[in-house]
C-alpha atoms as a PDB file:
ATOM      1  CA  UNK A   1       0.000   0.000   0.000  1.00  0.00           C
ATOM      2  CA  UNK A   2       1.431   3.393  -0.944  1.00  0.00           C
ATOM      3  CA  UNK A   3       1.485   6.207   1.584  1.00  0.00           C
ATOM      4  CA  UNK A   4      -1.411   8.097  -0.017  1.00  0.00           C
ATOM      5  CA  UNK A   5      -3.622   5.001   0.128  1.00  0.00           C
ATOM      6  CA  UNK A   6      -2.542   4.421   3.710  1.00  0.00           C
ATOM      7  CA  UNK A   7      -3.494   8.016   4.615  1.00  0.00           C
ATOM      8  CA  UNK A   8      -6.964   7.778   3.041  1.00  0.00           C
ATOM      9  CA  UNK A   9      -7.597   4.367   4.583  1.00  0.00           C
ATOM     10  CA  UNK A  10      -6.647   5.524   8.081  1.00  0.00           C
ATOM     11  CA  UNK A  11      -3.536   3.355   8.265  1.00  0.00           C
ATOM     12  CA  UNK A  12      -1.127   6.106   9.312  1.00  0.00           C
ATOM     13  CA  UNK A  13      -0.616   7.357  12.839  1.00  0.00           C
ATOM     14  CA  UNK A  14      -1.604  10.957  13.560  1.00  0.00           C
ATOM     15  CA  UNK A  15       2.014  12.137  13.414  1.00  0.00           C
ATOM     16  CA  UNK A  16       2.738  10.169  10.238  1.00  0.00           C
ATOM     17  CA  UNK A  17      -0.380  11.561   8.568  1.00  0.00           C
ATOM     18  CA  UNK A  18       0.458  15.114   9.653  1.00  0.00           C
ATOM     19  CA  UNK A  19       4.003  14.879   8.279  1.00  0.00           C
ATOM     20  CA  UNK A  20       2.791  13.376   5.015  1.00  0.00           C
ATOM     21  CA  UNK A  21       0.106  16.014   4.435  1.00  0.00           C
ATOM     22  CA  UNK A  22       2.687  18.753   5.031  1.00  0.00           C
ATOM     23  CA  UNK A  23       5.071  16.989   2.646  1.00  0.00           C
ATOM     24  CA  UNK A  24       2.366  16.789  -0.042  1.00  0.00           C
ATOM     25  CA  UNK A  25       1.401  20.424   0.468  1.00  0.00           C
ATOM     26  CA  UNK A  26       4.966  21.648   0.029  1.00  0.00           C
ATOM     27  CA  UNK A  27       5.311  20.007  -3.383  1.00  0.00           C
ATOM     28  CA  UNK A  28       4.700  22.040  -6.553  1.00  0.00           C
ATOM     29  CA  UNK A  29       1.061  21.625  -7.638  1.00  0.00           C
ATOM     30  CA  UNK A  30       1.440  19.724 -10.911  1.00  0.00           C
ATOM     31  CA  UNK A  31      -1.009  17.784 -13.070  1.00  0.00           C
ATOM     32  CA  UNK A  32       0.843  14.611 -12.068  1.00  0.00           C
ATOM     33  CA  UNK A  33       0.344  15.302  -8.348  1.00  0.00           C
ATOM     34  CA  UNK A  34      -3.323  16.270  -8.767  1.00  0.00           C
ATOM     35  CA  UNK A  35      -4.023  13.196 -10.911  1.00  0.00           C
ATOM     36  CA  UNK A  36      -2.517  10.914  -8.262  1.00  0.00           C
ATOM     37  CA  UNK A  37      -4.473  12.502  -5.411  1.00  0.00           C
ATOM     38  CA  UNK A  38      -7.732  12.822  -7.343  1.00  0.00           C
ATOM     39  CA  UNK A  39      -7.635   9.260  -8.656  1.00  0.00           C
ATOM     40  CA  UNK A  40      -7.205   7.913  -5.122  1.00  0.00           C
ATOM     41  CA  UNK A  41      -9.980  10.130  -3.722  1.00  0.00           C
ATOM     42  CA  UNK A  42     -12.370   9.342  -6.564  1.00  0.00           C
ATOM     43  CA  UNK A  43     -11.801   5.611  -6.094  1.00  0.00           C
ATOM     44  CA  UNK A  44     -13.119   5.958  -2.531  1.00  0.00           C
ATOM     45  CA  UNK A  45     -15.964   8.430  -3.004  1.00  0.00           C
ATOM     46  CA  UNK A  46     -19.638   7.487  -3.025  1.00  0.00           C
ATOM     47  CA  UNK A  47     -20.652   7.960  -6.651  1.00  0.00           C
ATOM     48  CA  UNK A  48     -24.097   8.932  -7.834  1.00  0.00           C
ATOM     49  CA  UNK A  49     -25.550   8.461 -11.324  1.00  0.00           C
ATOM     50  CA  UNK A  50     -27.975  11.250 -12.174  1.00  0.00           C
ATOM     51  CA  UNK A  51     -28.654   9.903 -15.651  1.00  0.00           C
ATOM     52  CA  UNK A  52     -27.438  12.947 -17.581  1.00  0.00           C
ATOM     53  CA  UNK A  53     -24.425  15.266 -17.857  1.00  0.00           C
ATOM     54  CA  UNK A  54     -24.345  17.917 -15.138  1.00  0.00           C
ATOM     55  CA  UNK A  55     -22.721  21.248 -14.314  1.00  0.00           C
ATOM     56  CA  UNK A  56     -20.856  21.983 -11.071  1.00  0.00           C
ATOM     57  CA  UNK A  57     -19.812  25.417  -9.805  1.00  0.00           C
ATOM     58  CA  UNK A  58     -17.661  24.246  -6.877  1.00  0.00           C
ATOM     59  CA  UNK A  59     -14.529  26.342  -6.349  1.00  0.00           C
ATOM     60  CA  UNK A  60     -11.540  26.155  -4.043  1.00  0.00           C
ATOM     61  CA  UNK A  61     -12.692  28.933  -1.702  1.00  0.00           C
ATOM     62  CA  UNK A  62     -10.198  30.703   0.482  1.00  0.00           C
ATOM     63  CA  UNK A  63     -10.116  34.095  -1.216  1.00  0.00           C
ATOM     64  CA  UNK A  64     -10.865  35.812   2.101  1.00  0.00           C
ATOM     65  CA  UNK A  65     -13.138  38.402   0.474  1.00  0.00           C
ATOM     66  CA  UNK A  66     -16.254  37.571   2.564  1.00  0.00           C
ATOM     67  CA  UNK A  67     -18.606  37.786  -0.418  1.00  0.00           C
ATOM     68  CA  UNK A  68     -22.011  36.112  -0.376  1.00  0.00           C
ATOM     69  CA  UNK A  69     -22.290  32.594  -1.829  1.00  0.00           C
ATOM     70  CA  UNK A  70     -22.075  33.604  -5.477  1.00  0.00           C
ATOM     71  CA  UNK A  71     -21.297  30.172  -6.913  1.00  0.00           C
ATOM     72  CA  UNK A  72     -24.258  28.687  -5.044  1.00  0.00           C
ATOM     73  CA  UNK A  73     -26.550  31.422  -6.362  1.00  0.00           C
ATOM     74  CA  UNK A  74     -25.222  30.688  -9.851  1.00  0.00           C
ATOM     75  CA  UNK A  75     -25.877  26.956  -9.469  1.00  0.00           C
ATOM     76  CA  UNK A  76     -29.482  27.599  -8.445  1.00  0.00           C
ATOM     77  CA  UNK A  77     -30.036  30.063 -11.295  1.00  0.00           C
ATOM     78  CA  UNK A  78     -28.552  27.719 -13.897  1.00  0.00           C
ATOM     79  CA  UNK A  79     -30.844  24.915 -12.703  1.00  0.00           C
ATOM     80  CA  UNK A  80     -33.786  27.297 -12.985  1.00  0.00           C
ATOM     81  CA  UNK A  81     -32.703  28.076 -16.571  1.00  0.00           C
ATOM     82  CA  UNK A  82     -32.751  24.380 -17.479  1.00  0.00           C
ATOM     83  CA  UNK A  83     -29.136  23.344 -16.939  1.00  0.00           C
ATOM     84  CA  UNK A  84     -28.838  20.155 -14.820  1.00  0.00           C
ATOM     85  CA  UNK A  85     -26.697  20.987 -11.780  1.00  0.00           C
ATOM     86  CA  UNK A  86     -24.956  18.796  -9.195  1.00  0.00           C
ATOM     87  CA  UNK A  87     -23.446  21.292  -6.750  1.00  0.00           C
ATOM     88  CA  UNK A  88     -20.595  19.790  -4.774  1.00  0.00           C
ATOM     89  CA  UNK A  89     -19.775  21.606  -1.541  1.00  0.00           C
ATOM     90  CA  UNK A  90     -19.341  21.754   2.187  1.00  0.00           C
ATOM     91  CA  UNK A  91     -19.911  23.862   5.285  1.00  0.00           C
ATOM     92  CA  UNK A  92     -17.801  26.978   5.780  1.00  0.00           C
ATOM     93  CA  UNK A  93     -14.113  26.430   6.394  1.00  0.00           C
ATOM     94  CA  UNK A  94     -12.496  29.789   5.650  1.00  0.00           C
ATOM     95  CA  UNK A  95     -15.616  31.900   5.085  1.00  0.00           C
ATOM     96  CA  UNK A  96     -18.689  33.018   7.013  1.00  0.00           C
ATOM     97  CA  UNK A  97     -21.033  30.903   4.912  1.00  0.00           C
ATOM     98  CA  UNK A  98     -20.338  27.694   2.996  1.00  0.00           C
ATOM     99  CA  UNK A  99     -22.594  26.362   0.254  1.00  0.00           C
ATOM    100  CA  UNK A 100     -24.097  23.790   2.634  1.00  0.00           C
ATOM    101  CA  UNK A 101     -24.802  26.496   5.219  1.00  0.00           C
ATOM    102  CA  UNK A 102     -26.642  28.842   2.883  1.00  0.00           C
ATOM    103  CA  UNK A 103     -28.620  26.107   1.102  1.00  0.00           C
ATOM    104  CA  UNK A 104     -29.792  24.742   4.443  1.00  0.00           C
ATOM    105  CA  UNK A 105     -30.852  28.273   5.440  1.00  0.00           C
ATOM    106  CA  UNK A 106     -32.827  28.499   2.182  1.00  0.00           C
ATOM    107  CA  UNK A 107     -34.636  25.256   3.009  1.00  0.00           C
ATOM    108  CA  UNK A 108     -32.930  23.204   0.306  1.00  0.00           C
ATOM    109  CA  UNK A 109     -31.935  19.683   1.449  1.00  0.00           C
ATOM    110  CA  UNK A 110     -28.199  19.179   1.849  1.00  0.00           C
ATOM    111  CA  UNK A 111     -28.029  15.616   3.129  1.00  0.00           C
ATOM    112  CA  UNK A 112     -29.600  13.567   0.331  1.00  0.00           C
ATOM    113  CA  UNK A 113     -27.861  10.462  -0.987  1.00  0.00           C
ATOM    114  CA  UNK A 114     -28.810   7.458  -3.094  1.00  0.00           C
ATOM    115  CA  UNK A 115     -32.284   7.258  -4.627  1.00  0.00           C
ATOM    116  CA  UNK A 116     -33.562  10.183  -2.557  1.00  0.00           C
ATOM    117  CA  UNK A 117     -30.922  12.407  -4.172  1.00  0.00           C
ATOM    118  CA  UNK A 118     -31.745  11.101  -7.656  1.00  0.00           C
ATOM    119  CA  UNK A 119     -35.465  11.695  -7.108  1.00  0.00           C
ATOM    120  CA  UNK A 120     -34.888  15.237  -5.843  1.00  0.00           C
ATOM    121  CA  UNK A 121     -32.659  15.958  -8.836  1.00  0.00           C
ATOM    122  CA  UNK A 122     -35.332  14.691 -11.248  1.00  0.00           C
ATOM    123  CA  UNK A 123     -37.886  17.066  -9.754  1.00  0.00           C
ATOM    124  CA  UNK A 124     -35.687  20.146  -9.310  1.00  0.00           C
ATOM    125  CA  UNK A 125     -32.909  19.842 -11.918  1.00  0.00           C
ATOM    126  CA  UNK A 126     -30.583  20.484  -8.974  1.00  0.00           C
ATOM    127  CA  UNK A 127     -28.956  18.451  -6.225  1.00  0.00           C
ATOM    128  CA  UNK A 128     -26.465  19.378  -3.539  1.00  0.00           C
ATOM    129  CA  UNK A 129     -23.774  16.768  -2.929  1.00  0.00           C
ATOM    130  CA  UNK A 130     -22.495  17.296   0.612  1.00  0.00           C
ATOM    131  CA  UNK A 131     -18.786  16.477   0.576  1.00  0.00           C
ATOM    132  CA  UNK A 132     -18.735  14.821   3.990  1.00  0.00           C
ATOM    133  CA  UNK A 133     -21.406  12.310   2.905  1.00  0.00           C
ATOM    134  CA  UNK A 134     -19.804  11.438  -0.420  1.00  0.00           C
ATOM    135  CA  UNK A 135     -16.150  11.346   0.657  1.00  0.00           C
ATOM    136  CA  UNK A 136     -15.948   9.044   3.701  1.00  0.00           C
ATOM    137  CA  UNK A 137     -12.169   8.665   3.297  1.00  0.00           C
ATOM    138  CA  UNK A 138     -11.736  12.327   4.203  1.00  0.00           C
ATOM    139  CA  UNK A 139     -12.717  11.559   7.802  1.00  0.00           C
ATOM    140  CA  UNK A 140      -9.148  10.272   8.228  1.00  0.00           C
ATOM    141  CA  UNK A 141      -7.723  13.534   6.891  1.00  0.00           C
ATOM    142  CA  UNK A 142     -10.061  16.069   8.514  1.00  0.00           C
ATOM    143  CA  UNK A 143      -8.649  15.958  12.090  1.00  0.00           C
ATOM    144  CA  UNK A 144      -5.105  16.444  10.805  1.00  0.00           C
ATOM    145  CA  UNK A 145      -6.126  19.368   8.597  1.00  0.00           C
ATOM    146  CA  UNK A 146      -7.904  20.921  11.563  1.00  0.00           C
ATOM    147  CA  UNK A 147      -4.872  20.443  13.800  1.00  0.00           C
ATOM    148  CA  UNK A 148      -2.526  21.958  11.217  1.00  0.00           C
ATOM    149  CA  UNK A 149      -4.726  25.051  10.883  1.00  0.00           C
ATOM    150  CA  UNK A 150      -3.256  25.994   7.488  1.00  0.00           C
ATOM    151  CA  UNK A 151      -4.381  25.479   3.916  1.00  0.00           C
ATOM    152  CA  UNK A 152      -3.087  22.235   2.429  1.00  0.00           C
ATOM    153  CA  UNK A 153      -3.273  20.422  -0.904  1.00  0.00           C
ATOM    154  CA  UNK A 154      -6.621  18.987   0.216  1.00  0.00           C
ATOM    155  CA  UNK A 155      -8.205  22.447   0.099  1.00  0.00           C
ATOM    156  CA  UNK A 156      -8.130  22.343  -3.692  1.00  0.00           C
ATOM    157  CA  UNK A 157      -9.385  18.807  -4.308  1.00  0.00           C
ATOM    158  CA  UNK A 158     -13.148  19.436  -3.904  1.00  0.00           C
ATOM    159  CA  UNK A 159     -13.670  20.746  -7.446  1.00  0.00           C
ATOM    160  CA  UNK A 160     -11.762  17.736  -8.812  1.00  0.00           C
ATOM    161  CA  UNK A 161     -13.947  15.120  -7.124  1.00  0.00           C
ATOM    162  CA  UNK A 162     -17.618  15.692  -7.985  1.00  0.00           C
ATOM    163  CA  UNK A 163     -19.486  12.495  -6.996  1.00  0.00           C
ATOM    164  CA  UNK A 164     -21.810  12.807 -10.015  1.00  0.00           C
ATOM    165  CA  UNK A 165     -18.862  12.996 -12.396  1.00  0.00           C
ATOM    166  CA  UNK A 166     -19.730  16.512 -13.583  1.00  0.00           C
ATOM    167  CA  UNK A 167     -18.620  16.889 -17.203  1.00  0.00           C
ATOM    168  CA  UNK A 168     -19.065  20.652 -17.145  1.00  0.00           C
ATOM    169  CA  UNK A 169     -17.485  22.851 -14.497  1.00  0.00           C
ATOM    170  CA  UNK A 170     -16.934  26.464 -13.592  1.00  0.00           C
ATOM    171  CA  UNK A 171     -14.227  26.600 -10.945  1.00  0.00           C
ATOM    172  CA  UNK A 172     -13.132  29.645  -8.984  1.00  0.00           C
ATOM    173  CA  UNK A 173      -9.577  29.648  -7.637  1.00  0.00           C
ATOM    174  CA  UNK A 174      -8.176  31.965  -4.985  1.00  0.00           C
ATOM    175  CA  UNK A 175      -4.651  31.195  -6.253  1.00  0.00           C
ATOM    176  CA  UNK A 176      -4.309  31.796  -9.991  1.00  0.00           C
ATOM    177  CA  UNK A 177      -1.322  29.439 -10.280  1.00  0.00           C
ATOM    178  CA  UNK A 178      -3.737  26.546  -9.703  1.00  0.00           C
ATOM    179  CA  UNK A 179      -5.774  27.261 -12.841  1.00  0.00           C
ATOM    180  CA  UNK A 180      -3.576  25.445 -15.363  1.00  0.00           C
ATOM    181  CA  UNK A 181      -2.905  22.239 -13.387  1.00  0.00           C
ATOM    182  CA  UNK A 182      -6.517  21.949 -12.205  1.00  0.00           C
ATOM    183  CA  UNK A 183      -7.954  22.514 -15.674  1.00  0.00           C
ATOM    184  CA  UNK A 184      -5.667  20.016 -17.348  1.00  0.00           C
ATOM    185  CA  UNK A 185      -6.331  17.470 -14.594  1.00  0.00           C
ATOM    186  CA  UNK A 186     -10.114  17.678 -15.062  1.00  0.00           C
ATOM    187  CA  UNK A 187      -9.818  17.290 -18.835  1.00  0.00           C
ATOM    188  CA  UNK A 188      -7.442  14.353 -18.359  1.00  0.00           C
ATOM    189  CA  UNK A 189     -10.079  12.725 -16.138  1.00  0.00           C
ATOM    190  CA  UNK A 190     -12.843  13.078 -18.728  1.00  0.00           C
ATOM    191  CA  UNK A 191     -14.428  16.534 -18.346  1.00  0.00           C
ATOM    192  CA  UNK A 192     -15.849  18.027 -21.558  1.00  0.00           C
ATOM    193  CA  UNK A 193     -15.596  21.729 -20.742  1.00  0.00           C
ATOM    194  CA  UNK A 194     -14.008  23.478 -17.765  1.00  0.00           C
ATOM    195  CA  UNK A 195     -13.583  27.194 -17.132  1.00  0.00           C
ATOM    196  CA  UNK A 196     -11.426  28.365 -14.247  1.00  0.00           C
ATOM    197  CA  UNK A 197     -11.652  31.935 -12.990  1.00  0.00           C
ATOM    198  CA  UNK A 198      -9.577  34.283 -10.874  1.00  0.00           C
ATOM    199  CA  UNK A 199     -10.044  38.031 -10.729  1.00  0.00           C
ATOM    200  CA  UNK A 200      -7.368  40.682 -10.415  1.00  0.00           C
ATOM    201  CA  UNK A 201      -8.790  41.720  -7.033  1.00  0.00           C
ATOM    202  CA  UNK A 202      -8.238  38.184  -5.734  1.00  0.00           C
ATOM    203  CA  UNK A 203     -11.833  36.979  -5.985  1.00  0.00           C
ATOM    204  CA  UNK A 204     -12.449  33.337  -6.902  1.00  0.00           C
ATOM    205  CA  UNK A 205     -15.471  34.399  -8.973  1.00  0.00           C
ATOM    206  CA  UNK A 206     -16.081  36.688 -11.935  1.00  0.00           C
ATOM    207  CA  UNK A 207     -15.629  40.037 -10.204  1.00  0.00           C
ATOM    208  CA  UNK A 208     -17.855  43.106 -10.306  1.00  0.00           C
ATOM    209  CA  UNK A 209     -14.889  45.246  -9.262  1.00  0.00           C
ATOM    210  CA  UNK A 210     -11.977  44.222 -11.487  1.00  0.00           C
ATOM    211  CA  UNK A 211     -11.023  42.253 -14.623  1.00  0.00           C
ATOM    212  CA  UNK A 212     -11.318  38.474 -14.285  1.00  0.00           C
ATOM    213  CA  UNK A 213      -8.976  36.038 -16.006  1.00  0.00           C
ATOM    214  CA  UNK A 214     -10.666  32.972 -17.492  1.00  0.00           C
ATOM    215  CA  UNK A 215      -8.802  29.759 -18.323  1.00  0.00           C
ATOM    216  CA  UNK A 216     -10.896  27.777 -20.802  1.00  0.00           C
ATOM    217  CA  UNK A 217     -10.269  24.037 -21.220  1.00  0.00           C
ATOM    218  CA  UNK A 218     -11.726  21.470 -23.624  1.00  0.00           C
ATOM    219  CA  UNK A 219     -10.213  18.159 -24.752  1.00  0.00           C
ATOM    220  CA  UNK A 220      -7.375  19.103 -27.064  1.00  0.00           C
ATOM    221  CA  UNK A 221      -7.919  22.852 -26.784  1.00  0.00           C
ATOM    222  CA  UNK A 222      -7.189  25.577 -24.229  1.00  0.00           C
ATOM    223  CA  UNK A 223      -7.493  29.339 -24.361  1.00  0.00           C
ATOM    224  CA  UNK A 224      -7.608  32.341 -22.085  1.00  0.00           C
ATOM    225  CA  UNK A 225      -9.693  35.499 -22.074  1.00  0.00           C
ATOM    226  CA  UNK A 226     -10.551  38.367 -19.737  1.00  0.00           C
ATOM    227  CA  UNK A 227     -13.951  39.551 -18.526  1.00  0.00           C
ATOM    228  CA  UNK A 228     -14.312  43.243 -17.727  1.00  0.00           C
ATOM    229  CA  UNK A 229     -17.447  44.272 -15.828  1.00  0.00           C
ATOM    230  CA  UNK A 230     -19.374  46.982 -17.692  1.00  0.00           C
ATOM    231  CA  UNK A 231     -20.495  48.580 -14.427  1.00  0.00           C
ATOM    232  CA  UNK A 232     -18.166  48.326 -11.461  1.00  0.00           C
ATOM    233  CA  UNK A 233     -19.197  48.051  -7.838  1.00  0.00           C
ATOM    234  CA  UNK A 234     -16.954  47.759  -4.762  1.00  0.00           C
ATOM    235  CA  UNK A 235     -16.590  44.252  -3.345  1.00  0.00           C
ATOM    236  CA  UNK A 236     -17.930  45.626  -0.070  1.00  0.00           C
ATOM    237  CA  UNK A 237     -21.324  45.836  -1.802  1.00  0.00           C
ATOM    238  CA  UNK A 238     -21.515  42.030  -2.053  1.00  0.00           C
ATOM    239  CA  UNK A 239     -20.038  41.039   1.294  1.00  0.00           C
ATOM    240  CA  UNK A 240     -22.068  39.086   3.828  1.00  0.00           C
ATOM    241  CA  UNK A 241     -21.430  38.899   7.562  1.00  0.00           C
ATOM    242  CA  UNK A 242     -23.635  35.862   8.195  1.00  0.00           C
ATOM    243  CA  UNK A 243     -25.365  32.939   6.509  1.00  0.00           C
ATOM    244  CA  UNK A 244     -28.649  34.865   6.722  1.00  0.00           C
ATOM    245  CA  UNK A 245     -27.153  37.885   4.931  1.00  0.00           C
ATOM    246  CA  UNK A 246     -25.780  35.654   2.200  1.00  0.00           C
ATOM    247  CA  UNK A 247     -29.168  33.986   1.732  1.00  0.00           C
ATOM    248  CA  UNK A 248     -30.854  37.403   1.573  1.00  0.00           C
ATOM    249  CA  UNK A 249     -28.532  38.509  -1.242  1.00  0.00           C
ATOM    250  CA  UNK A 250     -29.370  35.326  -3.162  1.00  0.00           C
ATOM    251  CA  UNK A 251     -33.144  35.624  -2.833  1.00  0.00           C
ATOM    252  CA  UNK A 252     -33.392  39.433  -2.900  1.00  0.00           C
ATOM    253  CA  UNK A 253     -30.238  40.626  -4.653  1.00  0.00           C
ATOM    254  CA  UNK A 254     -29.150  44.252  -4.535  1.00  0.00           C
ATOM    255  CA  UNK A 255     -28.027  45.763  -7.873  1.00  0.00           C
ATOM    256  CA  UNK A 256     -24.420  44.813  -7.053  1.00  0.00           C
ATOM    257  CA  UNK A 257     -25.356  41.253  -6.062  1.00  0.00           C
ATOM    258  CA  UNK A 258     -27.481  40.878  -9.186  1.00  0.00           C
ATOM    259  CA  UNK A 259     -24.571  42.056 -11.316  1.00  0.00           C
ATOM    260  CA  UNK A 260     -22.312  39.461  -9.673  1.00  0.00           C
ATOM    261  CA  UNK A 261     -24.867  36.712 -10.264  1.00  0.00           C
ATOM    262  CA  UNK A 262     -25.447  37.735 -13.891  1.00  0.00           C
ATOM    263  CA  UNK A 263     -21.741  37.879 -14.773  1.00  0.00           C
ATOM    264  CA  UNK A 264     -21.119  34.462 -13.261  1.00  0.00           C
ATOM    265  CA  UNK A 265     -24.268  32.820 -14.659  1.00  0.00           C
ATOM    266  CA  UNK A 266     -23.250  33.937 -18.138  1.00  0.00           C
ATOM    267  CA  UNK A 267     -19.897  32.184 -17.773  1.00  0.00           C
ATOM    268  CA  UNK A 268     -21.476  29.108 -16.171  1.00  0.00           C
ATOM    269  CA  UNK A 269     -23.844  28.749 -19.138  1.00  0.00           C
ATOM    270  CA  UNK A 270     -20.827  28.930 -21.429  1.00  0.00           C
ATOM    271  CA  UNK A 271     -19.037  26.286 -19.332  1.00  0.00           C
ATOM    272  CA  UNK A 272     -22.103  24.039 -19.662  1.00  0.00           C
ATOM    273  CA  UNK A 273     -22.029  24.485 -23.473  1.00  0.00           C
ATOM    274  CA  UNK A 274     -25.391  26.234 -23.429  1.00  0.00           C
ATOM    275  CA  UNK A 275     -23.859  29.103 -25.368  1.00  0.00           C
ATOM    276  CA  UNK A 276     -21.192  28.955 -28.049  1.00  0.00           C
ATOM    277  CA  UNK A 277     -19.291  32.014 -26.881  1.00  0.00           C
ATOM    278  CA  UNK A 278     -19.020  34.045 -23.707  1.00  0.00           C
ATOM    279  CA  UNK A 279     -20.630  37.378 -24.494  1.00  0.00           C
END
């Protein structure tokens, strides 16, 4: 058994696991490293077959900007517009409100698995896949990550391990250097279209305040382009200090929040191949 398998299967002592996670996290983030980690994690995750290709808007988080749950709002809007969505996510780790937190506040079930999840998806064109329920192997990693108290390589694996095998993804990254290796890894693992975004103001979404760099990946083809918001608002206009505030901006968006949702929905529809070009 290799060390990574031993870690995910709970075969390492606490100190061994801690040292190994630090060792992994100090390595350059390459496609080779991400493929090795993702393949092992995917082999242990609880998979779900939703019967059709789906979009995911799960990002890495960690931008520290305290904005409302934009990617969750985008997922809900895309589902409403007819795009099948399987939103992978978790409770808050580095933010005030995680996707699970805000969806639960909105009365949307976050703990569905198996046939119940499939049935909900069939009725709503949307399902939330709660990471802790679909990635049981992570229970061996979670206590070590908590004890370390710093971001590790595992912080960026969520978008690479959608339990429904999302073929279309829009991924926000707080660290722009992750865009290339993450995009190539997803295509290598069978994704059809992936767009990865990072704005010049550090946001892991399409920003309303600054240009956003988009890394666009398809099998055999990659390109980059920049999105410039026509009307700019300060990021402070879309910050939320609680789960309730985030939910309020999703259900009753201010002009700034609506602009953020619209910019990101447009790119998500492009990622899902609902539009030929981002316009």
